[in-house]
Amino acid sequence: MPALHTGDRASEPRPFRWRKWLVRGLVAGLLIVGVGVGCYAYYRHRLAADLAAYLADLDRTDPGWRRQDIEAARAIVPDAENAATVAEAAFRTLPKGWSSPYSTVSFDDLPPETRLDDADGTRLRDELNELQIALREARKLADLPKGRYPTAYEADVGQMRFGSAQHMRLIVSLLELDVLSQAQDGDLKGALLSCRALLNAGRSLGDEPLFISQLTRVTAAAIACRVAERVLAQGEPDADELLRLQHGLEEEERFPRLSVAFRGWRAEVHEALAAIESGEISLADFQHRPPTGNDRNLEFLDRDRVLSWHPQILAFQTEAVQLALLPDHERAQPVRALELRLSKHKGAVNVSLPGTVTLFDSIARRSDGQLRCVITALAAERYRRKHGRMPESLAKLVPDFLSAVPLDPEDGKLLRLHQRPDRMVVYSVYEKLLAGGDRDHYDPDEPSPPGVGTAVHLFDVPHRRQPPRPKPAIGDDDPQ
């Protein structure tokens, strides 16, 4: 038998075993994918665990913070006492399309002690004659200081129903004109009654936990303060009506509008973030922008980003809720510091309404200043009616006309009193920084134009209800 040539066979190349390498590649790929999925699952688990831990801590330290708890804890208002029902009834009687509070005449540049001329007064009365049905209904609000509208919510914070605030704002405009018209005609008792109705139109929103609602309520109170100053400057109002309005404004000043708004805002944003995380809405929808291709293809990454932001956003908002409990004058600096820190967190800024905290705090403090100045002026007018002279100091109003002299919300000191030859001025040191570094503030030695400072002018009786100012000829400057 011939010998085998094993050496030749060993030198031949082995065939490539592609199936074995394919299996190895698939196994390696599966291992890599598995590790990636596992890491991602762990990452998601940690994010969810961090959020759950924060929510549990918030439930422990601030029970009742969630939306359903806030709703359950809101004041119940019987139908017969509900200002919201009356405000809605008045709204339904308004002519379709009516909206402008100054569609006939403007009071913006008219000093409170000066009457309209006869032509403007007639135009104002003619407009209100077309609104008598709505006015009769709206004046009923004078004795209804409590209110509650049904509140409808959506998952997207930007899609909240704002109807109640919008309707109420029109009733405020209607009653504002009514106060101004009655003061023009010398019916000061009726003007103060409508002023209380205007204030209660704002209060009809009650403790509705929406930013827009509380901002609208603040606006209504500011308008009530402005027209009350005009009524005081147009004659000698009834002492009992002065007291009723003073009590209403005092109750409004005590209402924790900032806390209500910030607690509602936190609950609102929390539910919106949860809706993004669950896929009910997208981050693009939440930010009110058209979705891009990346938004559609990488939506799961947006959900993870929001999940990672969620505890931090709630922490910022919880700090705002706590700041809302501070006295006005102690709040401004920490609010600005909070806003600065918030601005450095881009993720949080995207969903936390940057500037909202500072804006609302500024509005709330100025509103408190207006309310306290008008409350003090009403008390001073009651003092004058009883004693026949203006009080020499605000301390003279305590305790018969005020329980205490109100504090200035800007610095925590007592409100200021400035005596001028024809009036006394109660004012707050409210100021705001203007472009260029100048400061806009009330100067007691100069008249207070609209929008400048926070002050109420209580005129001596001979200087009230002054004749109309002559209108300038076309092309002439306004007379001073």
Protein backbone atom coordinates (compact mmCIF):
# COMPACT_ATOMS: atom_id res chain seq x y z
CA MET A 1 0.00 0.00 0.00
CA PRO A 2 1.44 3.41 -0.87
CA ALA A 3 2.18 5.89 2.02
CA LEU A 4 -0.10 8.87 2.72
CA HIS A 5 1.23 12.36 1.87
CA THR A 6 0.17 14.07 5.09
CA GLY A 7 2.61 16.95 4.74
CA ASP A 8 0.98 18.14 1.54
CA ARG A 9 -2.49 18.06 3.04
CA ALA A 10 -1.44 20.09 6.14
CA SER A 11 -0.16 22.87 3.95
CA GLU A 12 -3.57 23.36 2.30
CA PRO A 13 -5.64 26.46 3.61
CA ARG A 14 -8.63 25.70 5.84
CA PRO A 15 -12.07 26.76 4.57
CA PHE A 16 -13.54 29.97 6.18
CA ARG A 17 -16.19 28.95 8.71
CA TRP A 18 -18.53 31.96 8.15
CA ARG A 19 -21.41 30.46 10.03
CA LYS A 20 -19.40 30.32 13.25
CA TRP A 21 -18.29 33.95 12.93
CA LEU A 22 -21.79 35.06 12.06
CA VAL A 23 -23.05 33.44 15.24
CA ARG A 24 -20.28 35.04 17.25
CA GLY A 25 -21.09 38.44 15.72
CA LEU A 26 -24.76 38.08 16.48
CA VAL A 27 -24.04 37.05 20.04
CA ALA A 28 -21.68 39.99 20.51
CA GLY A 29 -24.26 42.35 19.00
CA LEU A 30 -26.97 41.00 21.23
CA LEU A 31 -24.72 41.37 24.25
CA ILE A 32 -23.99 45.00 23.33
CA VAL A 33 -27.66 45.73 22.74
CA GLY A 34 -28.55 43.95 25.95
CA VAL A 35 -26.03 45.95 27.93
CA GLY A 36 -27.31 49.15 26.31
CA VAL A 37 -30.93 48.29 27.03
CA GLY A 38 -30.02 47.32 30.56
CA CYS A 39 -28.14 50.58 31.13
CA TYR A 40 -31.01 52.57 29.65
CA ALA A 41 -33.53 50.67 31.77
CA TYR A 42 -31.42 51.32 34.86
CA TYR A 43 -31.12 55.01 33.91
CA ARG A 44 -34.90 55.26 33.51
CA HIS A 45 -35.37 53.39 36.77
CA ARG A 46 -33.09 55.81 38.60
CA LEU A 47 -34.86 58.84 37.12
CA ALA A 48 -38.24 57.43 38.09
CA ALA A 49 -36.94 56.51 41.55
CA ASP A 50 -35.55 60.03 42.10
CA LEU A 51 -38.87 61.56 41.09
CA ALA A 52 -40.84 59.14 43.26
CA ALA A 53 -38.60 59.96 46.23
CA TYR A 54 -39.07 63.70 45.71
CA LEU A 55 -42.84 63.33 45.36
CA ALA A 56 -42.99 61.25 48.53
CA ASP A 57 -41.00 63.91 50.40
CA LEU A 58 -43.28 66.64 49.05
CA ASP A 59 -46.35 64.66 50.10
CA ARG A 60 -44.86 64.47 53.59
CA THR A 61 -43.73 68.10 53.96
CA ASP A 62 -46.54 69.83 52.06
CA PRO A 63 -49.61 67.57 52.10
CA GLY A 64 -52.44 68.58 49.83
CA TRP A 65 -50.21 70.05 47.13
CA ARG A 66 -51.58 68.03 44.21
CA ARG A 67 -54.28 69.45 41.97
CA GLN A 68 -57.05 67.12 43.10
CA ASP A 69 -56.22 67.96 46.74
CA ILE A 70 -56.21 71.68 46.03
CA GLU A 71 -59.59 71.38 44.31
CA ALA A 72 -61.01 69.35 47.19
CA ALA A 73 -59.84 71.94 49.73
CA ARG A 74 -61.27 74.97 47.91
CA ALA A 75 -63.99 76.99 49.61
CA ILE A 76 -67.55 75.89 48.92
CA VAL A 77 -69.80 78.81 48.02
CA PRO A 78 -73.60 78.30 48.23
CA ASP A 79 -75.45 79.19 45.03
CA ALA A 80 -77.32 82.06 46.70
CA GLU A 81 -73.99 83.65 47.75
CA ASN A 82 -71.99 82.91 44.62
CA ALA A 83 -70.80 86.09 42.89
CA ALA A 84 -69.64 84.00 39.93
CA THR A 85 -73.25 83.10 39.08
CA VAL A 86 -74.28 86.77 39.05
CA ALA A 87 -71.20 87.85 37.09
CA GLU A 88 -71.91 85.22 34.42
CA ALA A 89 -75.56 86.29 34.24
CA ALA A 90 -74.47 89.90 33.72
CA PHE A 91 -71.97 88.84 31.07
CA ARG A 92 -74.65 87.02 29.08
CA THR A 93 -76.69 90.25 28.81
CA LEU A 94 -73.82 92.30 27.36
CA PRO A 95 -74.16 93.20 23.68
CA LYS A 96 -72.16 90.86 21.48
CA GLY A 97 -68.73 92.32 20.78
CA TRP A 98 -68.75 94.89 23.60
CA SER A 99 -65.29 94.99 25.09
CA SER A 100 -63.74 98.43 25.51
CA PRO A 101 -63.93 100.09 28.92
CA TYR A 102 -63.14 103.45 27.30
CA SER A 103 -64.97 103.22 24.00
CA THR A 104 -66.57 106.64 24.58
CA VAL A 105 -64.23 108.77 26.69
CA SER A 106 -60.84 108.36 28.32
CA PHE A 107 -60.02 109.04 31.97
CA ASP A 108 -56.33 108.20 31.63
CA ASP A 109 -55.06 111.78 31.76
CA LEU A 110 -57.91 113.22 33.80
CA PRO A 111 -56.98 114.15 37.42
CA PRO A 112 -59.35 112.48 39.93
CA GLU A 113 -60.73 115.81 41.20
CA THR A 114 -61.62 117.09 37.71
CA ARG A 115 -65.00 116.44 36.07
CA LEU A 116 -65.53 115.50 32.48
CA ASP A 117 -66.92 118.23 30.28
CA ASP A 118 -70.64 118.07 29.46
CA ALA A 119 -70.12 116.51 26.03
CA ASP A 120 -67.98 113.64 27.35
CA GLY A 121 -70.32 113.14 30.29
CA THR A 122 -73.26 112.83 27.92
CA ARG A 123 -71.44 110.34 25.72
CA LEU A 124 -70.62 108.24 28.77
CA ARG A 125 -74.24 108.22 29.94
CA ASP A 126 -75.47 107.37 26.45
CA GLU A 127 -73.18 104.35 26.25
CA LEU A 128 -74.30 103.08 29.64
CA ASN A 129 -77.95 103.55 28.71
CA GLU A 130 -77.43 100.75 26.20
CA LEU A 131 -76.09 98.50 28.98
CA GLN A 132 -78.73 98.98 31.68
CA ILE A 133 -79.82 95.33 31.81
CA ALA A 134 -76.24 94.16 32.37
CA LEU A 135 -75.65 96.96 34.87
CA ARG A 136 -78.66 96.06 37.00
CA GLU A 137 -77.38 92.50 37.21
CA ALA A 138 -73.76 93.48 37.82
CA ARG A 139 -74.59 95.87 40.67
CA LYS A 140 -75.94 92.92 42.63
CA LEU A 141 -72.31 91.91 43.14
CA ALA A 142 -71.94 94.67 45.75
CA ASP A 143 -73.22 92.32 48.45
CA LEU A 144 -71.61 89.10 47.14
CA PRO A 145 -67.95 88.99 48.19
CA LYS A 146 -67.53 85.23 47.63
CA GLY A 147 -67.43 83.33 44.38
CA ARG A 148 -66.39 80.16 42.64
CA TYR A 149 -66.48 79.22 38.97
CA PRO A 150 -66.36 75.64 37.71
CA THR A 151 -62.77 75.08 36.59
CA ALA A 152 -61.95 72.91 33.59
CA TYR A 153 -58.43 71.55 33.16
CA GLU A 154 -56.46 70.02 30.32
CA ALA A 155 -53.24 68.03 30.49
CA ASP A 156 -51.31 70.76 28.68
CA VAL A 157 -50.77 73.69 31.02
CA GLY A 158 -51.01 76.12 28.11
CA GLN A 159 -54.49 74.92 27.20
CA MET A 160 -56.25 75.78 30.46
CA ARG A 161 -59.72 77.26 30.13
CA PHE A 162 -59.52 80.98 30.77
CA GLY A 163 -63.20 81.75 30.14
CA SER A 164 -64.16 82.73 33.68
CA ALA A 165 -61.36 85.29 33.95
CA GLN A 166 -62.15 86.73 30.52
CA HIS A 167 -65.87 87.08 31.23
CA MET A 168 -65.25 88.61 34.63
CA ARG A 169 -62.85 91.18 33.18
CA LEU A 170 -65.66 92.53 30.97
CA ILE A 171 -67.93 92.92 34.00
CA VAL A 172 -65.13 94.82 35.75
CA SER A 173 -64.92 97.14 32.73
CA LEU A 174 -68.68 97.66 32.78
CA LEU A 175 -68.72 98.52 36.49
CA GLU A 176 -65.68 100.77 36.09
CA LEU A 177 -67.62 102.90 33.63
CA ASP A 178 -70.61 102.82 35.98
CA VAL A 179 -68.56 104.15 38.90
CA LEU A 180 -67.07 106.91 36.75
CA SER A 181 -70.45 107.90 35.35
CA GLN A 182 -72.15 108.07 38.75
CA ALA A 183 -69.25 110.06 40.19
CA GLN A 184 -69.55 112.43 37.22
CA ASP A 185 -73.24 112.92 37.99
CA GLY A 186 -72.61 113.43 41.71
CA ASP A 187 -74.24 110.17 42.87
CA LEU A 188 -71.37 109.21 45.16
CA LYS A 189 -73.35 106.67 47.19
CA GLY A 190 -74.25 104.81 44.01
CA ALA A 191 -70.66 105.14 42.78
CA LEU A 192 -69.29 103.50 45.95
CA LEU A 193 -71.86 100.71 45.71
CA SER A 194 -70.74 100.01 42.14
CA CYS A 195 -67.13 100.20 43.32
CA ARG A 196 -67.85 97.41 45.80
CA ALA A 197 -69.56 95.46 43.01
CA LEU A 198 -66.44 95.92 40.85
CA LEU A 199 -64.19 94.68 43.65
CA ASN A 200 -66.45 91.67 44.19
CA ALA A 201 -66.42 90.90 40.47
CA GLY A 202 -62.71 90.22 40.93
CA ARG A 203 -63.37 88.31 44.12
CA SER A 204 -65.84 86.11 42.23
CA LEU A 205 -62.79 84.17 41.02
CA GLY A 206 -62.23 83.13 44.63
CA ASP A 207 -59.31 80.79 45.20
CA GLU A 208 -59.20 79.52 41.62
CA PRO A 209 -55.68 78.05 41.43
CA LEU A 210 -54.71 79.48 38.04
CA PHE A 211 -52.17 82.23 37.40
CA ILE A 212 -54.45 84.00 34.94
CA SER A 213 -57.31 84.01 37.45
CA GLN A 214 -55.28 85.51 40.28
CA LEU A 215 -53.68 88.08 37.98
CA THR A 216 -57.16 89.07 36.83
CA ARG A 217 -58.31 89.33 40.43
CA VAL A 218 -55.34 91.60 41.19
CA THR A 219 -56.24 93.74 38.16
CA ALA A 220 -59.83 94.12 39.36
CA ALA A 221 -58.63 95.24 42.81
CA ALA A 222 -56.29 97.79 41.21
CA ILE A 223 -59.14 99.23 39.14
CA ALA A 224 -61.35 99.39 42.23
CA CYS A 225 -58.61 101.35 44.00
CA ARG A 226 -58.24 103.79 41.12
CA VAL A 227 -61.94 104.57 40.76
CA ALA A 228 -62.37 104.78 44.55
CA GLU A 229 -59.78 107.56 44.59
CA ARG A 230 -61.82 109.40 41.96
CA VAL A 231 -65.03 109.04 43.98
CA LEU A 232 -63.27 110.52 47.02
CA ALA A 233 -62.14 113.44 44.88
CA GLN A 234 -65.63 114.21 43.53
CA GLY A 235 -67.40 115.16 46.77
CA GLU A 236 -68.20 113.88 50.26
CA PRO A 237 -69.29 110.24 50.07
CA ASP A 238 -71.64 108.59 52.56
CA ALA A 239 -69.77 107.45 55.69
CA ASP A 240 -71.49 104.05 55.83
CA GLU A 241 -70.62 103.33 52.20
CA LEU A 242 -67.03 104.36 52.89
CA LEU A 243 -66.88 101.84 55.72
CA ARG A 244 -68.38 99.04 53.61
CA LEU A 245 -65.84 99.60 50.84
CA GLN A 246 -63.01 99.83 53.36
CA HIS A 247 -63.97 96.46 54.86
CA GLY A 248 -64.13 94.90 51.40
CA LEU A 249 -60.69 96.20 50.47
CA GLU A 250 -59.26 95.01 53.80
CA GLU A 251 -60.56 91.51 53.14
CA GLU A 252 -59.10 91.59 49.64
CA GLU A 253 -55.72 92.75 50.95
CA ARG A 254 -55.61 89.79 53.34
CA PHE A 255 -56.34 87.26 50.59
CA PRO A 256 -53.20 85.14 49.87
CA ARG A 257 -53.32 85.59 46.07
CA LEU A 258 -49.63 84.86 45.61
CA SER A 259 -49.74 81.59 47.55
CA VAL A 260 -52.89 80.46 45.71
CA ALA A 261 -51.30 81.20 42.34
CA PHE A 262 -47.94 79.55 43.07
CA ARG A 263 -49.47 76.41 44.60
CA GLY A 264 -51.79 76.05 41.64
CA TRP A 265 -48.93 76.68 39.21
CA ARG A 266 -46.81 73.93 40.81
CA ALA A 267 -49.63 71.39 40.68
CA GLU A 268 -50.45 72.44 37.11
CA VAL A 269 -46.86 72.05 35.84
CA HIS A 270 -46.42 68.75 37.67
CA GLU A 271 -49.40 67.24 35.87
CA ALA A 272 -48.20 68.62 32.53
CA LEU A 273 -44.75 67.08 33.03
CA ALA A 274 -46.32 63.77 33.97
CA ALA A 275 -48.39 63.94 30.77
CA ILE A 276 -45.21 64.45 28.69
CA GLU A 277 -43.48 61.56 30.46
CA SER A 278 -46.40 59.25 29.76
CA GLY A 279 -46.63 60.30 26.11
CA GLU A 280 -50.06 61.99 26.39
CA ILE A 281 -48.60 65.24 25.07
CA SER A 282 -45.25 66.13 23.52
CA LEU A 283 -42.65 68.56 24.74
CA ALA A 284 -43.17 70.57 21.55
CA ASP A 285 -46.89 70.86 22.33
CA PHE A 286 -46.08 71.96 25.86
CA GLN A 287 -43.70 74.64 24.59
CA HIS A 288 -46.24 75.79 21.98
CA ARG A 289 -43.96 75.30 18.98
CA PRO A 290 -44.36 73.22 15.81
CA PRO A 291 -42.72 69.80 16.13
CA THR A 292 -39.57 69.12 14.11
CA GLY A 293 -38.43 65.83 12.59
CA ASN A 294 -36.19 65.22 15.58
CA ASP A 295 -39.14 65.80 17.93
CA ARG A 296 -41.08 63.05 16.17
CA ASN A 297 -38.19 60.59 15.87
CA LEU A 298 -36.65 61.16 19.29
CA GLU A 299 -39.71 61.84 21.39
CA PHE A 300 -38.65 59.15 23.86
CA LEU A 301 -35.52 61.20 24.60
CA ASP A 302 -37.69 64.27 25.32
CA ARG A 303 -39.65 62.19 27.80
CA ASP A 304 -36.39 61.19 29.52
CA ARG A 305 -35.19 64.79 29.60
CA VAL A 306 -38.42 65.93 31.20
CA LEU A 307 -38.26 63.07 33.68
CA SER A 308 -34.75 64.18 34.67
CA TRP A 309 -35.88 67.81 35.07
CA HIS A 310 -39.05 67.02 36.98
CA PRO A 311 -37.73 66.94 40.59
CA GLN A 312 -35.64 70.06 40.07
CA ILE A 313 -38.53 71.99 38.56
CA LEU A 314 -40.76 71.03 41.49
CA ALA A 315 -38.01 72.09 43.89
CA PHE A 316 -37.86 75.54 42.26
CA GLN A 317 -41.62 75.88 42.40
CA THR A 318 -41.80 74.70 46.00
CA GLU A 319 -39.30 77.41 46.90
CA ALA A 320 -41.57 79.95 45.19
CA VAL A 321 -44.53 78.64 47.20
CA GLN A 322 -42.54 79.12 50.41
CA LEU A 323 -41.44 82.62 49.40
CA ALA A 324 -45.08 83.57 48.82
CA LEU A 325 -45.68 83.17 52.56
CA LEU A 326 -43.12 85.85 53.46
CA PRO A 327 -44.16 89.45 54.19
CA ASP A 328 -44.06 91.60 51.05
CA HIS A 329 -40.95 93.56 51.95
CA GLU A 330 -38.97 90.39 52.78
CA ARG A 331 -39.82 88.67 49.51
CA ALA A 332 -38.35 90.82 46.74
CA GLN A 333 -34.66 89.94 47.19
CA PRO A 334 -35.03 86.15 47.55
CA VAL A 335 -37.46 86.12 44.60
CA ARG A 336 -34.86 87.79 42.39
CA ALA A 337 -32.23 85.32 43.61
CA LEU A 338 -34.52 82.39 42.80
CA GLU A 339 -35.18 83.74 39.32
CA LEU A 340 -31.43 84.11 38.71
CA ARG A 341 -30.76 80.50 39.69
CA LEU A 342 -33.69 79.34 37.60
CA SER A 343 -32.31 81.11 34.52
CA LYS A 344 -29.11 79.04 34.71
CA HIS A 345 -30.99 75.75 34.29
CA LYS A 346 -31.99 75.63 30.65
CA GLY A 347 -34.08 72.52 31.01
CA ALA A 348 -36.01 73.98 33.92
CA VAL A 349 -36.41 77.29 32.11
CA ASN A 350 -38.04 75.55 29.17
CA VAL A 351 -40.98 74.46 31.27
CA SER A 352 -40.97 76.70 34.34
CA LEU A 353 -42.20 79.98 32.83
CA PRO A 354 -39.08 82.14 33.37
CA GLY A 355 -39.83 85.57 34.78
CA THR A 356 -43.22 84.52 36.14
CA VAL A 357 -42.18 84.52 39.79
CA THR A 358 -40.56 87.95 39.65
CA LEU A 359 -43.38 89.42 37.59
CA PHE A 360 -46.17 88.21 39.83
CA ASP A 361 -44.30 89.14 42.99
CA SER A 362 -43.84 92.69 41.69
CA ILE A 363 -47.51 92.94 40.69
CA ALA A 364 -48.66 91.53 44.04
CA ARG A 365 -46.51 93.92 46.06
CA ARG A 366 -47.71 96.92 44.11
CA SER A 367 -51.29 95.71 44.45
CA ASP A 368 -50.85 95.48 48.22
CA GLY A 369 -49.46 99.01 48.21
CA GLN A 370 -52.48 100.31 46.28
CA LEU A 371 -54.93 98.52 48.54
CA ARG A 372 -53.30 99.74 51.72
CA CYS A 373 -53.12 103.33 50.50
CA VAL A 374 -56.81 103.38 49.52
CA ILE A 375 -57.87 101.67 52.75
CA THR A 376 -55.99 104.34 54.68
CA ALA A 377 -57.50 107.14 52.58
CA LEU A 378 -61.01 105.83 53.20
CA ALA A 379 -60.29 105.72 56.93
CA ALA A 380 -58.93 109.27 56.76
CA GLU A 381 -62.07 110.48 54.99
CA ARG A 382 -64.22 108.87 57.69
CA TYR A 383 -62.04 110.63 60.28
CA ARG A 384 -62.55 113.95 58.47
CA ARG A 385 -66.31 113.50 58.38
CA LYS A 386 -66.39 112.85 62.12
CA HIS A 387 -63.87 115.48 63.29
CA GLY A 388 -64.21 118.09 60.55
CA ARG A 389 -60.51 118.06 59.66
CA MET A 390 -57.90 115.83 58.09
CA PRO A 391 -55.80 113.68 60.47
CA GLU A 392 -52.41 115.21 61.31
CA SER A 393 -50.82 111.77 61.18
CA LEU A 394 -51.89 108.26 60.23
CA ALA A 395 -51.54 107.24 63.88
CA LYS A 396 -54.65 109.37 64.58
CA LEU A 397 -56.70 106.80 62.63
CA VAL A 398 -55.94 104.03 65.15
CA PRO A 399 -57.96 102.38 66.61
CA ASP A 400 -61.30 103.95 65.65
CA PHE A 401 -60.79 103.96 61.88
CA LEU A 402 -57.93 101.50 61.38
CA SER A 403 -56.80 98.60 63.55
CA ALA A 404 -53.20 99.62 62.77
CA VAL A 405 -51.37 101.81 60.28
CA PRO A 406 -50.62 99.54 57.31
CA LEU A 407 -47.03 98.65 56.45
CA ASP A 408 -45.46 99.71 53.19
CA PRO A 409 -45.00 96.47 51.18
CA GLU A 410 -41.76 97.83 49.71
CA ASP A 411 -39.72 98.34 52.88
CA GLY A 412 -41.84 97.14 55.82
CA LYS A 413 -42.10 100.61 57.35
CA LEU A 414 -45.39 102.42 57.95
CA LEU A 415 -47.13 103.93 54.94
CA ARG A 416 -46.11 107.53 54.33
CA LEU A 417 -48.28 110.61 54.73
CA HIS A 418 -47.50 113.88 52.98
CA GLN A 419 -49.53 117.04 53.62
CA ARG A 420 -49.89 119.41 50.68
CA PRO A 421 -51.74 122.77 50.65
CA ASP A 422 -54.85 121.29 49.03
CA ARG A 423 -54.70 117.60 50.03
CA MET A 424 -53.10 114.83 52.00
CA VAL A 425 -51.24 112.09 50.12
CA VAL A 426 -50.92 108.53 51.40
CA TYR A 427 -48.17 106.74 49.51
CA SER A 428 -45.88 103.74 49.26
CA VAL A 429 -42.24 104.01 48.17
CA TYR A 430 -42.84 101.61 45.28
CA GLU A 431 -40.23 102.06 42.59
CA LYS A 432 -39.07 100.23 39.50
CA LEU A 433 -35.85 100.40 37.55
CA LEU A 434 -36.21 102.00 34.13
CA ALA A 435 -34.01 101.64 31.06
CA GLY A 436 -30.79 103.56 31.56
CA GLY A 437 -30.79 103.07 35.33
CA ASP A 438 -33.29 105.80 36.23
CA ARG A 439 -35.88 105.04 38.86
CA ASP A 440 -39.61 105.59 38.49
CA HIS A 441 -41.09 106.31 41.90
CA TYR A 442 -43.65 108.46 43.65
CA ASP A 443 -42.42 111.94 44.44
CA PRO A 444 -44.64 113.50 47.15
CA ASP A 445 -43.73 117.00 45.98
CA GLU A 446 -45.13 116.44 42.50
CA PRO A 447 -48.52 115.26 41.24
CA SER A 448 -48.62 111.54 40.58
CA PRO A 449 -49.31 110.88 36.88
CA PRO A 450 -51.06 107.61 36.02
CA GLY A 451 -48.77 104.64 36.41
CA VAL A 452 -46.12 106.40 38.49
CA GLY A 453 -45.65 105.44 42.10
CA THR A 454 -48.33 104.16 44.45
CA ALA A 455 -50.21 107.01 46.06
CA VAL A 456 -53.74 108.16 46.86
CA HIS A 457 -54.62 111.85 46.94
CA LEU A 458 -57.33 112.82 49.41
CA PHE A 459 -58.27 116.41 48.59
CA ASP A 460 -59.56 119.04 50.98
CA VAL A 461 -63.28 119.55 50.33
CA PRO A 462 -62.96 122.96 48.57
CA HIS A 463 -60.57 121.39 46.06
CA ARG A 464 -62.80 118.46 45.14
CA ARG A 465 -65.02 118.23 42.07
CA GLN A 466 -63.21 120.82 40.01
CA PRO A 467 -64.52 122.14 36.68
CA PRO A 468 -63.57 120.38 33.47
CA ARG A 469 -60.30 121.31 31.91
CA PRO A 470 -60.61 123.20 28.63
CA LYS A 471 -59.78 121.03 25.67
CA PRO A 472 -56.83 122.27 23.62
CA ALA A 473 -57.48 123.51 20.12
CA ILE A 474 -56.29 121.25 17.34
CA GLY A 475 -52.54 121.53 17.08
CA ASP A 476 -52.12 123.10 20.52
CA ASP A 477 -50.32 121.41 23.39
CA ASP A 478 -52.37 120.20 26.34
CA PRO A 479 -52.77 122.95 28.94
CA GLN A 480 -50.97 122.44 32.21
